[in-house]
Amino acid sequence: MTSADLKNTQPAPLKTRRGKWIHREAFIGWLYALPALLMYVVFVIVPFVLTIVYSFHKWNGVGEMTWVGLKNYITVFQVPKYIGTIGHAFLLVVWFSFIPVGLGLVVASVINRIAAGRFGDVARTVIFLPYIIALVAAGIIWGWLFSLSGLVNQILSFIGLGSITRAWLGDFNWALSAVGVIGIWVLLGFCTVLLSTGMSKIDPSLYEAARIDGTGWFREFFEITVPLLVQEIAVCLTVTVIFALATFDIVYVATAGGPGNATAVPGLQIYVLAFAQRNIGLASALAVMLMILVLVIILPIQRLSKEVY
């Protein structure tokens, strides 16, 4: 046997075999991920690209498309009721995002401080229940509660505030705020549970040291709890801001955008343009603008949370 034959019979180097194994593992991993990737491409990427294409055309959804360039986007900015829906969406961000996150921090802190154990688990479960209720059902329930003879007005009358009672969802000045209250009710549980979970990971010795130094609850909250929950707060803000900007179910069921356009939001306006007025191009342009708006708000939140952390 020659030296060349001996060389060919020697086992492959360990590095080569390890590389082949890694490639094989990667290939198997991609095979497992392939069904999910295909679903994502078909139901997310393709519709997203088509929406951008439609936004540059005039189309009723049936006939031929006509290229109009940026006309649909210009129309969105020129028509007050379309640009007004974006303003309403920003107001709902305050109601659906900032208020639930702020209240969630306080409620979670109180639960973790004075309601530990089984009672704390029950409290978190009860607070979380509205988040798992169908949004359509939530809109119907609060439609009854906010009606002229509903429970909210009955309570106000009972405590001597009958002069301010009204059909809250039918009032031009208060309808959007009433929708905001529904959003707080739905999202408070999600924020509370997420933030409470984050608080359970904070080292208790930090609080013990602060109490030994005579630090009160207020300083503990802002100097220990909040700084150590930056990541959880960022997640809450991300989810709730997207919920606020893309909300449709609650508004559609509770007010249908009324009275007038007092509670019209981008999601509802896109639905009306696409399916009622059959103006697919304009609806797509508003949808693209909504997506850009979401990114403009969410990306700075994500970046700021990473820098702070």
C-alpha atoms as a PDB file:
ATOM      1  CA  MET A   1       0.000   0.000   0.000  1.00  0.00           C
ATOM      2  CA  THR A   2       1.439   3.333  -1.033  1.00  0.00           C
ATOM      3  CA  SER A   3       1.639   6.447   1.111  1.00  0.00           C
ATOM      4  CA  ALA A   4      -1.114   8.013  -0.998  1.00  0.00           C
ATOM      5  CA  ASP A   5      -3.458   5.101  -0.207  1.00  0.00           C
ATOM      6  CA  LEU A   6      -2.697   5.435   3.504  1.00  0.00           C
ATOM      7  CA  LYS A   7      -3.517   9.149   3.330  1.00  0.00           C
ATOM      8  CA  ASN A   8      -6.884   8.448   1.701  1.00  0.00           C
ATOM      9  CA  THR A   9      -7.817   5.892   4.368  1.00  0.00           C
ATOM     10  CA  GLN A  10      -7.208   8.298   7.274  1.00  0.00           C
ATOM     11  CA  PRO A  11     -10.357   9.763   8.925  1.00  0.00           C
ATOM     12  CA  ALA A  12     -11.418  13.287   7.952  1.00  0.00           C
ATOM     13  CA  PRO A  13     -10.071  16.044  10.186  1.00  0.00           C
ATOM     14  CA  LEU A  14     -12.217  16.884  13.218  1.00  0.00           C
ATOM     15  CA  LYS A  15     -12.771  20.450  11.958  1.00  0.00           C
ATOM     16  CA  THR A  16     -14.159  19.186   8.642  1.00  0.00           C
ATOM     17  CA  ARG A  17     -16.539  16.743  10.332  1.00  0.00           C
ATOM     18  CA  ARG A  18     -17.709  19.438  12.738  1.00  0.00           C
ATOM     19  CA  GLY A  19     -18.406  21.793   9.818  1.00  0.00           C
ATOM     20  CA  LYS A  20     -20.467  19.143   8.022  1.00  0.00           C
ATOM     21  CA  TRP A  21     -22.435  18.487  11.217  1.00  0.00           C
ATOM     22  CA  ILE A  22     -23.159  22.201  11.700  1.00  0.00           C
ATOM     23  CA  HIS A  23     -24.373  22.525   8.076  1.00  0.00           C
ATOM     24  CA  ARG A  24     -26.585  19.462   8.531  1.00  0.00           C
ATOM     25  CA  GLU A  25     -28.075  20.880  11.744  1.00  0.00           C
ATOM     26  CA  ALA A  26     -28.697  24.244  10.058  1.00  0.00           C
ATOM     27  CA  PHE A  27     -30.401  22.533   7.116  1.00  0.00           C
ATOM     28  CA  ILE A  28     -32.684  20.547   9.442  1.00  0.00           C
ATOM     29  CA  GLY A  29     -33.470  23.725  11.381  1.00  0.00           C
ATOM     30  CA  TRP A  30     -34.505  25.545   8.210  1.00  0.00           C
ATOM     31  CA  LEU A  31     -36.722  22.572   7.266  1.00  0.00           C
ATOM     32  CA  TYR A  32     -38.560  22.877  10.592  1.00  0.00           C
ATOM     33  CA  ALA A  33     -38.921  26.647  10.147  1.00  0.00           C
ATOM     34  CA  LEU A  34     -39.976  26.438   6.495  1.00  0.00           C
ATOM     35  CA  PRO A  35     -43.773  26.015   7.080  1.00  0.00           C
ATOM     36  CA  ALA A  36     -43.858  29.052   9.388  1.00  0.00           C
ATOM     37  CA  LEU A  37     -41.743  31.086   6.956  1.00  0.00           C
ATOM     38  CA  LEU A  38     -44.057  30.194   4.082  1.00  0.00           C
ATOM     39  CA  MET A  39     -47.109  31.222   6.118  1.00  0.00           C
ATOM     40  CA  TYR A  40     -45.412  34.495   7.063  1.00  0.00           C
ATOM     41  CA  VAL A  41     -44.492  35.253   3.451  1.00  0.00           C
ATOM     42  CA  VAL A  42     -47.958  34.406   2.107  1.00  0.00           C
ATOM     43  CA  PHE A  43     -50.035  36.156   4.783  1.00  0.00           C
ATOM     44  CA  VAL A  44     -47.740  39.049   5.822  1.00  0.00           C
ATOM     45  CA  ILE A  45     -45.022  39.888   3.288  1.00  0.00           C
ATOM     46  CA  VAL A  46     -47.135  39.464   0.128  1.00  0.00           C
ATOM     47  CA  PRO A  47     -50.130  41.506   1.444  1.00  0.00           C
ATOM     48  CA  PHE A  48     -47.700  44.160   2.697  1.00  0.00           C
ATOM     49  CA  VAL A  49     -46.084  44.518  -0.734  1.00  0.00           C
ATOM     50  CA  LEU A  50     -49.480  44.514  -2.483  1.00  0.00           C
ATOM     51  CA  THR A  51     -50.740  47.244  -0.144  1.00  0.00           C
ATOM     52  CA  ILE A  52     -47.825  49.459  -1.133  1.00  0.00           C
ATOM     53  CA  VAL A  53     -48.515  48.748  -4.819  1.00  0.00           C
ATOM     54  CA  TYR A  54     -52.243  49.489  -4.453  1.00  0.00           C
ATOM     55  CA  SER A  55     -51.500  52.786  -2.683  1.00  0.00           C
ATOM     56  CA  PHE A  56     -50.103  54.209  -5.939  1.00  0.00           C
ATOM     57  CA  HIS A  57     -53.192  53.213  -7.978  1.00  0.00           C
ATOM     58  CA  LYS A  58     -56.849  54.043  -8.237  1.00  0.00           C
ATOM     59  CA  TRP A  59     -58.753  50.771  -7.977  1.00  0.00           C
ATOM     60  CA  ASN A  60     -62.207  49.627  -6.918  1.00  0.00           C
ATOM     61  CA  GLY A  61     -61.093  46.071  -6.212  1.00  0.00           C
ATOM     62  CA  VAL A  62     -62.626  44.590  -9.370  1.00  0.00           C
ATOM     63  CA  GLY A  63     -61.705  46.457 -12.547  1.00  0.00           C
ATOM     64  CA  GLU A  64     -58.365  47.583 -13.893  1.00  0.00           C
ATOM     65  CA  MET A  65     -55.993  49.637 -11.767  1.00  0.00           C
ATOM     66  CA  THR A  66     -55.017  53.146 -12.838  1.00  0.00           C
ATOM     67  CA  TRP A  67     -51.641  54.574 -11.832  1.00  0.00           C
ATOM     68  CA  VAL A  68     -52.056  57.826  -9.863  1.00  0.00           C
ATOM     69  CA  GLY A  69     -48.642  58.118  -8.194  1.00  0.00           C
ATOM     70  CA  LEU A  70     -48.718  60.039  -4.912  1.00  0.00           C
ATOM     71  CA  LYS A  71     -52.258  61.338  -5.396  1.00  0.00           C
ATOM     72  CA  ASN A  72     -53.732  59.025  -2.750  1.00  0.00           C
ATOM     73  CA  TYR A  73     -51.181  60.166  -0.168  1.00  0.00           C
ATOM     74  CA  ILE A  74     -51.823  63.811  -1.002  1.00  0.00           C
ATOM     75  CA  THR A  75     -55.558  63.211  -0.589  1.00  0.00           C
ATOM     76  CA  VAL A  76     -55.021  61.771   2.885  1.00  0.00           C
ATOM     77  CA  PHE A  77     -53.294  64.993   3.950  1.00  0.00           C
ATOM     78  CA  GLN A  78     -55.783  67.284   2.189  1.00  0.00           C
ATOM     79  CA  VAL A  79     -59.047  65.773   3.482  1.00  0.00           C
ATOM     80  CA  PRO A  80     -59.576  66.820   7.141  1.00  0.00           C
ATOM     81  CA  LYS A  81     -61.506  63.710   8.167  1.00  0.00           C
ATOM     82  CA  TYR A  82     -58.690  61.418   7.007  1.00  0.00           C
ATOM     83  CA  ILE A  83     -55.875  63.272   8.720  1.00  0.00           C
ATOM     84  CA  GLY A  84     -58.186  63.754  11.710  1.00  0.00           C
ATOM     85  CA  THR A  85     -58.289  59.999  12.271  1.00  0.00           C
ATOM     86  CA  ILE A  86     -54.520  60.061  12.807  1.00  0.00           C
ATOM     87  CA  GLY A  87     -54.970  62.814  15.404  1.00  0.00           C
ATOM     88  CA  HIS A  88     -57.558  60.660  17.176  1.00  0.00           C
ATOM     89  CA  ALA A  89     -55.099  57.754  17.103  1.00  0.00           C
ATOM     90  CA  PHE A  90     -52.488  59.890  18.890  1.00  0.00           C
ATOM     91  CA  LEU A  91     -55.030  60.760  21.588  1.00  0.00           C
ATOM     92  CA  LEU A  92     -55.847  57.075  22.019  1.00  0.00           C
ATOM     93  CA  VAL A  93     -52.127  56.384  22.507  1.00  0.00           C
ATOM     94  CA  VAL A  94     -52.388  58.420  25.725  1.00  0.00           C
ATOM     95  CA  TRP A  95     -55.467  56.510  26.877  1.00  0.00           C
ATOM     96  CA  PHE A  96     -54.497  53.030  25.658  1.00  0.00           C
ATOM     97  CA  SER A  97     -50.749  53.184  26.366  1.00  0.00           C
ATOM     98  CA  PHE A  98     -49.382  55.773  28.788  1.00  0.00           C
ATOM     99  CA  ILE A  99     -52.214  55.602  31.310  1.00  0.00           C
ATOM    100  CA  PRO A 100     -52.408  51.754  31.480  1.00  0.00           C
ATOM    101  CA  VAL A 101     -48.612  51.504  31.788  1.00  0.00           C
ATOM    102  CA  GLY A 102     -48.497  54.151  34.531  1.00  0.00           C
ATOM    103  CA  LEU A 103     -51.420  52.606  36.432  1.00  0.00           C
ATOM    104  CA  GLY A 104     -49.983  49.131  35.831  1.00  0.00           C
ATOM    105  CA  LEU A 105     -46.739  50.144  37.516  1.00  0.00           C
ATOM    106  CA  VAL A 106     -48.593  51.415  40.580  1.00  0.00           C
ATOM    107  CA  VAL A 107     -50.998  48.455  40.802  1.00  0.00           C
ATOM    108  CA  ALA A 108     -48.224  45.892  40.292  1.00  0.00           C
ATOM    109  CA  SER A 109     -46.099  47.591  42.949  1.00  0.00           C
ATOM    110  CA  VAL A 110     -48.973  47.572  45.453  1.00  0.00           C
ATOM    111  CA  ILE A 111     -49.765  43.900  44.742  1.00  0.00           C
ATOM    112  CA  ASN A 112     -46.128  42.843  45.123  1.00  0.00           C
ATOM    113  CA  ARG A 113     -45.756  44.872  48.321  1.00  0.00           C
ATOM    114  CA  ILE A 114     -48.916  44.104  50.309  1.00  0.00           C
ATOM    115  CA  ALA A 115     -50.658  41.250  48.481  1.00  0.00           C
ATOM    116  CA  ALA A 116     -48.060  38.548  48.064  1.00  0.00           C
ATOM    117  CA  GLY A 117     -48.881  34.843  47.897  1.00  0.00           C
ATOM    118  CA  ARG A 118     -52.218  33.381  46.870  1.00  0.00           C
ATOM    119  CA  PHE A 119     -54.147  36.633  47.282  1.00  0.00           C
ATOM    120  CA  GLY A 120     -51.717  38.346  44.931  1.00  0.00           C
ATOM    121  CA  ASP A 121     -52.237  35.619  42.308  1.00  0.00           C
ATOM    122  CA  VAL A 122     -56.010  36.054  42.579  1.00  0.00           C
ATOM    123  CA  ALA A 123     -55.690  39.834  42.254  1.00  0.00           C
ATOM    124  CA  ARG A 124     -53.507  39.540  39.140  1.00  0.00           C
ATOM    125  CA  THR A 125     -55.929  37.032  37.599  1.00  0.00           C
ATOM    126  CA  VAL A 126     -58.960  39.256  38.182  1.00  0.00           C
ATOM    127  CA  ILE A 127     -57.188  42.313  36.761  1.00  0.00           C
ATOM    128  CA  PHE A 128     -55.999  40.326  33.725  1.00  0.00           C
ATOM    129  CA  LEU A 129     -59.462  38.956  32.814  1.00  0.00           C
ATOM    130  CA  PRO A 130     -60.577  41.975  30.695  1.00  0.00           C
ATOM    131  CA  TYR A 131     -57.556  41.462  28.416  1.00  0.00           C
ATOM    132  CA  ILE A 132     -58.754  37.996  27.356  1.00  0.00           C
ATOM    133  CA  ILE A 133     -62.337  39.110  26.703  1.00  0.00           C
ATOM    134  CA  ALA A 134     -63.157  39.498  23.013  1.00  0.00           C
ATOM    135  CA  LEU A 135     -62.899  43.165  22.047  1.00  0.00           C
ATOM    136  CA  VAL A 136     -66.305  43.011  20.379  1.00  0.00           C
ATOM    137  CA  ALA A 137     -67.822  41.847  23.674  1.00  0.00           C
ATOM    138  CA  ALA A 138     -65.960  44.602  25.532  1.00  0.00           C
ATOM    139  CA  GLY A 139     -67.384  47.211  23.145  1.00  0.00           C
ATOM    140  CA  ILE A 140     -70.929  45.893  23.655  1.00  0.00           C
ATOM    141  CA  ILE A 141     -70.583  45.760  27.440  1.00  0.00           C
ATOM    142  CA  TRP A 142     -69.266  49.299  27.715  1.00  0.00           C
ATOM    143  CA  GLY A 143     -71.865  50.505  25.245  1.00  0.00           C
ATOM    144  CA  TRP A 144     -74.487  49.477  27.818  1.00  0.00           C
ATOM    145  CA  LEU A 145     -72.523  50.898  30.739  1.00  0.00           C
ATOM    146  CA  PHE A 146     -72.054  54.294  29.047  1.00  0.00           C
ATOM    147  CA  SER A 147     -75.647  54.573  27.802  1.00  0.00           C
ATOM    148  CA  LEU A 148     -77.940  57.288  29.159  1.00  0.00           C
ATOM    149  CA  SER A 149     -79.561  54.825  31.582  1.00  0.00           C
ATOM    150  CA  GLY A 150     -76.406  52.762  32.083  1.00  0.00           C
ATOM    151  CA  LEU A 151     -74.549  51.894  35.256  1.00  0.00           C
ATOM    152  CA  VAL A 152     -72.033  54.758  34.930  1.00  0.00           C
ATOM    153  CA  ASN A 153     -74.775  57.403  34.927  1.00  0.00           C
ATOM    154  CA  GLN A 154     -76.657  55.611  37.702  1.00  0.00           C
ATOM    155  CA  ILE A 155     -73.555  55.737  39.922  1.00  0.00           C
ATOM    156  CA  LEU A 156     -73.000  59.420  39.106  1.00  0.00           C
ATOM    157  CA  SER A 157     -76.623  60.191  39.985  1.00  0.00           C
ATOM    158  CA  PHE A 158     -76.357  58.194  43.232  1.00  0.00           C
ATOM    159  CA  ILE A 159     -73.342  60.206  44.435  1.00  0.00           C
ATOM    160  CA  GLY A 160     -74.964  63.529  43.547  1.00  0.00           C
ATOM    161  CA  LEU A 161     -73.385  64.160  40.141  1.00  0.00           C
ATOM    162  CA  GLY A 162     -76.548  63.681  38.110  1.00  0.00           C
ATOM    163  CA  SER A 163     -76.019  67.038  36.392  1.00  0.00           C
ATOM    164  CA  ILE A 164     -73.064  65.705  34.395  1.00  0.00           C
ATOM    165  CA  THR A 165     -74.712  62.487  33.206  1.00  0.00           C
ATOM    166  CA  ARG A 166     -74.989  62.042  29.458  1.00  0.00           C
ATOM    167  CA  ALA A 167     -74.836  59.437  26.706  1.00  0.00           C
ATOM    168  CA  TRP A 168     -71.044  59.339  26.910  1.00  0.00           C
ATOM    169  CA  LEU A 169     -70.422  57.492  23.648  1.00  0.00           C
ATOM    170  CA  GLY A 170     -72.848  59.781  21.826  1.00  0.00           C
ATOM    171  CA  ASP A 171     -71.360  63.058  23.033  1.00  0.00           C
ATOM    172  CA  PHE A 172     -69.098  64.895  20.562  1.00  0.00           C
ATOM    173  CA  ASN A 173     -66.794  66.119  23.337  1.00  0.00           C
ATOM    174  CA  TRP A 174     -66.604  62.974  25.466  1.00  0.00           C
ATOM    175  CA  ALA A 175     -67.000  60.042  23.056  1.00  0.00           C
ATOM    176  CA  LEU A 176     -63.275  59.613  22.325  1.00  0.00           C
ATOM    177  CA  SER A 177     -62.412  59.810  26.033  1.00  0.00           C
ATOM    178  CA  ALA A 178     -65.079  57.198  26.770  1.00  0.00           C
ATOM    179  CA  VAL A 179     -63.474  54.908  24.194  1.00  0.00           C
ATOM    180  CA  GLY A 180     -60.166  55.594  25.924  1.00  0.00           C
ATOM    181  CA  VAL A 181     -61.605  54.400  29.242  1.00  0.00           C
ATOM    182  CA  ILE A 182     -62.544  51.121  27.546  1.00  0.00           C
ATOM    183  CA  GLY A 183     -58.952  50.786  26.358  1.00  0.00           C
ATOM    184  CA  ILE A 184     -57.637  51.353  29.891  1.00  0.00           C
ATOM    185  CA  TRP A 185     -59.971  48.650  31.209  1.00  0.00           C
ATOM    186  CA  VAL A 186     -58.813  46.173  28.567  1.00  0.00           C
ATOM    187  CA  LEU A 187     -55.052  46.826  28.742  1.00  0.00           C
ATOM    188  CA  LEU A 188     -54.479  47.507  32.434  1.00  0.00           C
ATOM    189  CA  GLY A 189     -54.400  43.784  33.266  1.00  0.00           C
ATOM    190  CA  PHE A 190     -51.797  43.013  30.603  1.00  0.00           C
ATOM    191  CA  CYS A 191     -49.497  45.793  31.817  1.00  0.00           C
ATOM    192  CA  THR A 192     -49.994  44.873  35.472  1.00  0.00           C
ATOM    193  CA  VAL A 193     -49.169  41.187  35.016  1.00  0.00           C
ATOM    194  CA  LEU A 194     -46.120  41.854  32.833  1.00  0.00           C
ATOM    195  CA  LEU A 195     -44.724  44.509  35.172  1.00  0.00           C
ATOM    196  CA  SER A 196     -45.510  42.422  38.246  1.00  0.00           C
ATOM    197  CA  THR A 197     -43.525  39.543  36.747  1.00  0.00           C
ATOM    198  CA  GLY A 198     -40.621  41.903  36.174  1.00  0.00           C
ATOM    199  CA  MET A 199     -40.805  43.152  39.754  1.00  0.00           C
ATOM    200  CA  SER A 200     -40.585  39.593  41.087  1.00  0.00           C
ATOM    201  CA  LYS A 201     -37.110  39.344  39.510  1.00  0.00           C
ATOM    202  CA  ILE A 202     -35.739  42.380  41.377  1.00  0.00           C
ATOM    203  CA  ASP A 203     -33.379  41.452  44.215  1.00  0.00           C
ATOM    204  CA  PRO A 204     -35.330  41.950  47.499  1.00  0.00           C
ATOM    205  CA  SER A 205     -32.109  42.997  49.224  1.00  0.00           C
ATOM    206  CA  LEU A 206     -32.255  46.279  47.303  1.00  0.00           C
ATOM    207  CA  TYR A 207     -35.576  47.133  48.953  1.00  0.00           C
ATOM    208  CA  GLU A 208     -34.351  45.973  52.353  1.00  0.00           C
ATOM    209  CA  ALA A 209     -31.292  48.208  52.105  1.00  0.00           C
ATOM    210  CA  ALA A 210     -33.461  51.144  51.032  1.00  0.00           C
ATOM    211  CA  ARG A 211     -35.830  50.630  53.990  1.00  0.00           C
ATOM    212  CA  ILE A 212     -32.912  50.428  56.422  1.00  0.00           C
ATOM    213  CA  ASP A 213     -31.813  53.824  55.096  1.00  0.00           C
ATOM    214  CA  GLY A 214     -35.299  55.146  55.774  1.00  0.00           C
ATOM    215  CA  THR A 215     -36.401  55.361  52.145  1.00  0.00           C
ATOM    216  CA  GLY A 216     -40.155  55.565  51.668  1.00  0.00           C
ATOM    217  CA  TRP A 217     -42.312  53.781  49.114  1.00  0.00           C
ATOM    218  CA  PHE A 218     -42.314  56.760  46.758  1.00  0.00           C
ATOM    219  CA  ARG A 219     -38.510  56.894  46.477  1.00  0.00           C
ATOM    220  CA  GLU A 220     -38.285  53.097  46.268  1.00  0.00           C
ATOM    221  CA  PHE A 221     -40.704  53.172  43.371  1.00  0.00           C
ATOM    222  CA  PHE A 222     -38.849  55.781  41.310  1.00  0.00           C
ATOM    223  CA  GLU A 223     -35.258  54.950  42.284  1.00  0.00           C
ATOM    224  CA  ILE A 224     -35.376  51.129  42.305  1.00  0.00           C
ATOM    225  CA  THR A 225     -38.523  49.716  40.708  1.00  0.00           C
ATOM    226  CA  VAL A 226     -38.897  51.891  37.625  1.00  0.00           C
ATOM    227  CA  PRO A 227     -35.193  51.926  36.565  1.00  0.00           C
ATOM    228  CA  LEU A 228     -34.993  48.117  36.830  1.00  0.00           C
ATOM    229  CA  LEU A 229     -38.154  47.630  34.739  1.00  0.00           C
ATOM    230  CA  VAL A 230     -37.035  49.523  31.640  1.00  0.00           C
ATOM    231  CA  GLN A 231     -37.273  46.462  29.394  1.00  0.00           C
ATOM    232  CA  GLU A 232     -40.723  45.453  30.661  1.00  0.00           C
ATOM    233  CA  ILE A 233     -41.988  49.039  30.344  1.00  0.00           C
ATOM    234  CA  ALA A 234     -40.688  49.159  26.767  1.00  0.00           C
ATOM    235  CA  VAL A 235     -42.583  45.940  25.942  1.00  0.00           C
ATOM    236  CA  CYS A 236     -45.771  47.329  27.480  1.00  0.00           C
ATOM    237  CA  LEU A 237     -45.440  50.584  25.553  1.00  0.00           C
ATOM    238  CA  THR A 238     -44.732  48.742  22.295  1.00  0.00           C
ATOM    239  CA  VAL A 239     -47.773  46.462  22.579  1.00  0.00           C
ATOM    240  CA  THR A 240     -50.174  49.134  23.796  1.00  0.00           C
ATOM    241  CA  VAL A 241     -49.063  51.792  21.273  1.00  0.00           C
ATOM    242  CA  ILE A 242     -49.596  49.349  18.404  1.00  0.00           C
ATOM    243  CA  PHE A 243     -52.969  48.423  19.921  1.00  0.00           C
ATOM    244  CA  ALA A 244     -53.953  52.096  20.117  1.00  0.00           C
ATOM    245  CA  LEU A 245     -52.892  53.020  16.592  1.00  0.00           C
ATOM    246  CA  ALA A 246     -54.399  49.919  14.980  1.00  0.00           C
ATOM    247  CA  THR A 247     -57.555  49.698  17.091  1.00  0.00           C
ATOM    248  CA  PHE A 248     -60.719  48.809  15.191  1.00  0.00           C
ATOM    249  CA  ASP A 249     -62.980  46.372  17.074  1.00  0.00           C
ATOM    250  CA  ILE A 250     -63.787  48.512  20.101  1.00  0.00           C
ATOM    251  CA  VAL A 251     -64.475  51.673  18.083  1.00  0.00           C
ATOM    252  CA  TYR A 252     -66.506  49.855  15.431  1.00  0.00           C
ATOM    253  CA  VAL A 253     -68.782  48.177  17.998  1.00  0.00           C
ATOM    254  CA  ALA A 254     -69.037  50.990  20.546  1.00  0.00           C
ATOM    255  CA  THR A 255     -69.434  54.059  18.296  1.00  0.00           C
ATOM    256  CA  ALA A 256     -68.858  53.096  14.629  1.00  0.00           C
ATOM    257  CA  GLY A 257     -66.719  56.237  14.452  1.00  0.00           C
ATOM    258  CA  GLY A 258     -69.494  58.528  15.650  1.00  0.00           C
ATOM    259  CA  PRO A 259     -70.980  60.800  16.601  1.00  0.00           C
ATOM    260  CA  GLY A 260     -70.027  62.322  13.271  1.00  0.00           C
ATOM    261  CA  ASN A 261     -66.304  61.548  13.002  1.00  0.00           C
ATOM    262  CA  ALA A 262     -65.559  62.213  16.677  1.00  0.00           C
ATOM    263  CA  THR A 263     -64.135  58.720  17.268  1.00  0.00           C
ATOM    264  CA  ALA A 264     -63.028  57.808  13.738  1.00  0.00           C
ATOM    265  CA  VAL A 265     -59.600  56.111  13.802  1.00  0.00           C
ATOM    266  CA  PRO A 266     -57.319  54.987  10.938  1.00  0.00           C
ATOM    267  CA  GLY A 267     -58.296  51.313  11.219  1.00  0.00           C
ATOM    268  CA  LEU A 268     -62.003  52.132  10.944  1.00  0.00           C
ATOM    269  CA  GLN A 269     -61.460  54.635   8.124  1.00  0.00           C
ATOM    270  CA  ILE A 270     -59.415  52.072   6.163  1.00  0.00           C
ATOM    271  CA  TYR A 271     -62.287  49.602   6.528  1.00  0.00           C
ATOM    272  CA  VAL A 272     -64.857  52.161   5.315  1.00  0.00           C
ATOM    273  CA  LEU A 273     -62.721  53.218   2.332  1.00  0.00           C
ATOM    274  CA  ALA A 274     -61.921  49.657   1.257  1.00  0.00           C
ATOM    275  CA  PHE A 275     -65.214  47.830   1.803  1.00  0.00           C
ATOM    276  CA  ALA A 276     -67.920  50.513   1.866  1.00  0.00           C
ATOM    277  CA  GLN A 277     -66.589  53.037  -0.662  1.00  0.00           C
ATOM    278  CA  ARG A 278     -64.480  50.492  -2.604  1.00  0.00           C
ATOM    279  CA  ASN A 279     -61.555  52.894  -2.841  1.00  0.00           C
ATOM    280  CA  ILE A 280     -58.759  50.375  -2.422  1.00  0.00           C
ATOM    281  CA  GLY A 281     -55.986  52.771  -3.432  1.00  0.00           C
ATOM    282  CA  LEU A 282     -56.857  55.446  -0.873  1.00  0.00           C
ATOM    283  CA  ALA A 283     -57.405  52.833   1.837  1.00  0.00           C
ATOM    284  CA  SER A 284     -53.990  51.327   1.066  1.00  0.00           C
ATOM    285  CA  ALA A 285     -52.308  54.750   1.234  1.00  0.00           C
ATOM    286  CA  LEU A 286     -53.834  55.368   4.672  1.00  0.00           C
ATOM    287  CA  ALA A 287     -52.732  51.884   5.767  1.00  0.00           C
ATOM    288  CA  VAL A 288     -49.147  52.545   4.654  1.00  0.00           C
ATOM    289  CA  MET A 289     -49.144  55.850   6.520  1.00  0.00           C
ATOM    290  CA  LEU A 290     -50.434  54.074   9.621  1.00  0.00           C
ATOM    291  CA  MET A 291     -47.611  51.537   9.355  1.00  0.00           C
ATOM    292  CA  ILE A 292     -45.041  54.341   9.062  1.00  0.00           C
ATOM    293  CA  LEU A 293     -46.611  56.067  12.053  1.00  0.00           C
ATOM    294  CA  VAL A 294     -46.302  52.887  14.122  1.00  0.00           C
ATOM    295  CA  LEU A 295     -42.623  52.537  13.201  1.00  0.00           C
ATOM    296  CA  VAL A 296     -41.898  56.208  13.943  1.00  0.00           C
ATOM    297  CA  ILE A 297     -43.257  55.791  17.472  1.00  0.00           C
ATOM    298  CA  ILE A 298     -42.103  52.244  18.268  1.00  0.00           C
ATOM    299  CA  LEU A 299     -38.498  52.339  17.028  1.00  0.00           C
ATOM    300  CA  PRO A 300     -37.420  55.243  19.306  1.00  0.00           C
ATOM    301  CA  ILE A 301     -39.019  53.470  22.283  1.00  0.00           C
ATOM    302  CA  GLN A 302     -37.068  50.293  21.521  1.00  0.00           C
ATOM    303  CA  ARG A 303     -33.818  52.160  20.972  1.00  0.00           C
ATOM    304  CA  LEU A 304     -34.197  54.288  24.097  1.00  0.00           C
ATOM    305  CA  SER A 305     -34.927  51.248  26.264  1.00  0.00           C
ATOM    306  CA  LYS A 306     -31.750  49.511  25.029  1.00  0.00           C
ATOM    307  CA  GLU A 307     -29.608  52.592  25.648  1.00  0.00           C
ATOM    308  CA  VAL A 308     -31.012  53.071  29.166  1.00  0.00           C
ATOM    309  CA  TYR A 309     -30.652  49.394  29.981  1.00  0.00           C
END
